[in-house]
Amino acid sequence: MPQRPARPRVDETAGDLGSLVRLGLADPPPEPAPPPAHELPDAAQSGMERANEARLQAALSESGVSKGGRDEHVIDVLARLDPADVDAVAAWLKQKKDKDETGPKK
């Protein structure tokens, strides 16, 4: 005598998450984070960002800091800051240079 496949068990009291959310018995799942925004090409940068980047480049060259591998990326990120913050970073670089020049020489 051939065996018949067993009928799947169904739990009438269970529900999927969508049903439980609609009934108010569960919180909705968190929304996934949006994908990171693509970096803007140089031509699409705002005028403020270009001005900030120029101030940072000038402050770096005045202070005698040589740029390394990731410095261009850091400058791009800093250029997106408020102009007052960029001025503070530029002043810090200048202050660092002045301090180094007046310090004891080894």
Protein backbone atom coordinates (compact mmCIF):
# COMPACT_ATOMS: atom_id res chain seq x y z
CA MET A 1 0.00 0.00 0.00
CA PRO A 2 1.55 3.29 -1.08
CA GLN A 3 1.95 6.00 1.50
CA ARG A 4 0.30 9.28 0.92
CA PRO A 5 2.27 12.41 1.74
CA ALA A 6 1.23 13.98 4.99
CA ARG A 7 -0.68 17.21 4.84
CA PRO A 8 1.36 20.18 6.05
CA ARG A 9 0.47 21.41 9.47
CA VAL A 10 -0.98 24.87 9.58
CA ASP A 11 -1.03 26.89 12.77
CA GLU A 12 -4.09 29.09 12.53
CA THR A 13 -2.88 31.27 15.42
CA ALA A 14 0.41 32.22 13.74
CA GLY A 15 0.78 35.17 11.45
CA ASP A 16 3.39 36.73 9.29
CA LEU A 17 5.09 39.94 10.43
CA GLY A 18 2.98 42.11 8.13
CA SER A 19 -0.22 40.76 9.67
CA LEU A 20 1.11 41.20 13.18
CA VAL A 21 2.06 44.83 12.42
CA ARG A 22 -1.40 45.54 11.01
CA LEU A 23 -2.98 44.06 14.15
CA GLY A 24 -0.72 46.19 16.33
CA LEU A 25 0.96 43.17 17.91
CA ALA A 26 4.44 43.85 16.54
CA ASP A 27 6.55 46.83 15.55
CA PRO A 28 7.36 47.28 11.90
CA PRO A 29 10.87 46.25 10.89
CA PRO A 30 13.44 49.05 10.63
CA GLU A 31 13.91 50.68 7.26
CA PRO A 32 17.24 49.87 5.64
CA ALA A 33 19.70 52.75 5.41
CA PRO A 34 19.77 54.47 2.05
CA PRO A 35 22.77 53.69 -0.11
CA PRO A 36 25.64 56.15 0.30
CA ALA A 37 25.45 59.16 -1.96
CA HIS A 38 27.84 59.14 -4.86
CA GLU A 39 30.65 61.64 -4.68
CA LEU A 40 30.09 64.68 -6.81
CA PRO A 41 32.52 65.27 -9.64
CA ASP A 42 34.69 68.37 -9.35
CA ALA A 43 32.53 70.26 -11.83
CA ALA A 44 29.42 69.67 -9.70
CA GLN A 45 30.92 70.94 -6.44
CA SER A 46 29.33 74.03 -5.02
CA GLY A 47 31.14 77.34 -5.08
CA MET A 48 31.39 77.27 -1.28
CA GLU A 49 33.09 73.87 -1.34
CA ARG A 50 35.58 75.03 -3.97
CA ALA A 51 36.38 78.13 -1.91
CA ASN A 52 36.75 76.05 1.25
CA GLU A 53 39.04 73.62 -0.55
CA ALA A 54 41.18 76.49 -1.83
CA ARG A 55 41.49 77.91 1.71
CA LEU A 56 42.50 74.51 3.07
CA GLN A 57 45.04 73.94 0.29
CA ALA A 58 46.53 77.40 0.93
CA ALA A 59 46.69 76.82 4.69
CA LEU A 60 48.42 73.48 4.16
CA SER A 61 50.98 74.91 1.80
CA GLU A 62 51.64 77.92 4.08
CA SER A 63 52.19 75.66 7.05
CA GLY A 64 54.56 73.44 5.09
CA VAL A 65 52.49 70.28 5.52
CA SER A 66 53.19 67.70 2.84
CA LYS A 67 50.12 65.81 1.71
CA GLY A 68 49.98 62.03 1.91
CA GLY A 69 47.78 59.42 0.26
CA ARG A 70 44.46 60.04 2.02
CA ASP A 71 44.91 63.79 2.51
CA GLU A 72 43.04 64.69 -0.69
CA HIS A 73 40.01 62.74 0.57
CA VAL A 74 40.23 64.48 3.95
CA ILE A 75 40.44 67.87 2.27
CA ASP A 76 37.35 67.02 0.20
CA VAL A 77 35.44 66.08 3.36
CA LEU A 78 36.59 69.17 5.25
CA ALA A 79 35.63 71.37 2.29
CA ARG A 80 31.98 70.38 2.84
CA LEU A 81 32.01 71.95 6.31
CA ASP A 82 30.69 75.37 7.17
CA PRO A 83 33.11 78.15 6.08
CA ALA A 84 33.58 79.19 9.72
CA ASP A 85 34.79 75.67 10.56
CA VAL A 86 37.14 75.70 7.58
CA ASP A 87 38.54 79.04 8.78
CA ALA A 88 39.09 77.51 12.23
CA VAL A 89 41.01 74.58 10.71
CA ALA A 90 43.10 76.98 8.59
CA ALA A 91 43.83 79.11 11.67
CA TRP A 92 44.83 76.00 13.59
CA LEU A 93 47.27 75.06 10.83
CA LYS A 94 48.73 78.58 10.86
CA GLN A 95 48.97 78.53 14.66
CA LYS A 96 50.75 75.17 14.48
CA LYS A 97 53.29 76.64 12.02
CA ASP A 98 53.89 79.75 14.17
CA LYS A 99 54.35 77.58 17.25
CA ASP A 100 56.84 75.33 15.44
CA GLU A 101 58.88 78.33 14.24
CA THR A 102 59.15 79.86 17.71
CA GLY A 103 59.84 76.59 19.49
CA PRO A 104 63.31 75.35 20.44
CA LYS A 105 65.36 73.96 17.59
CA LYS A 106 66.99 70.59 18.00
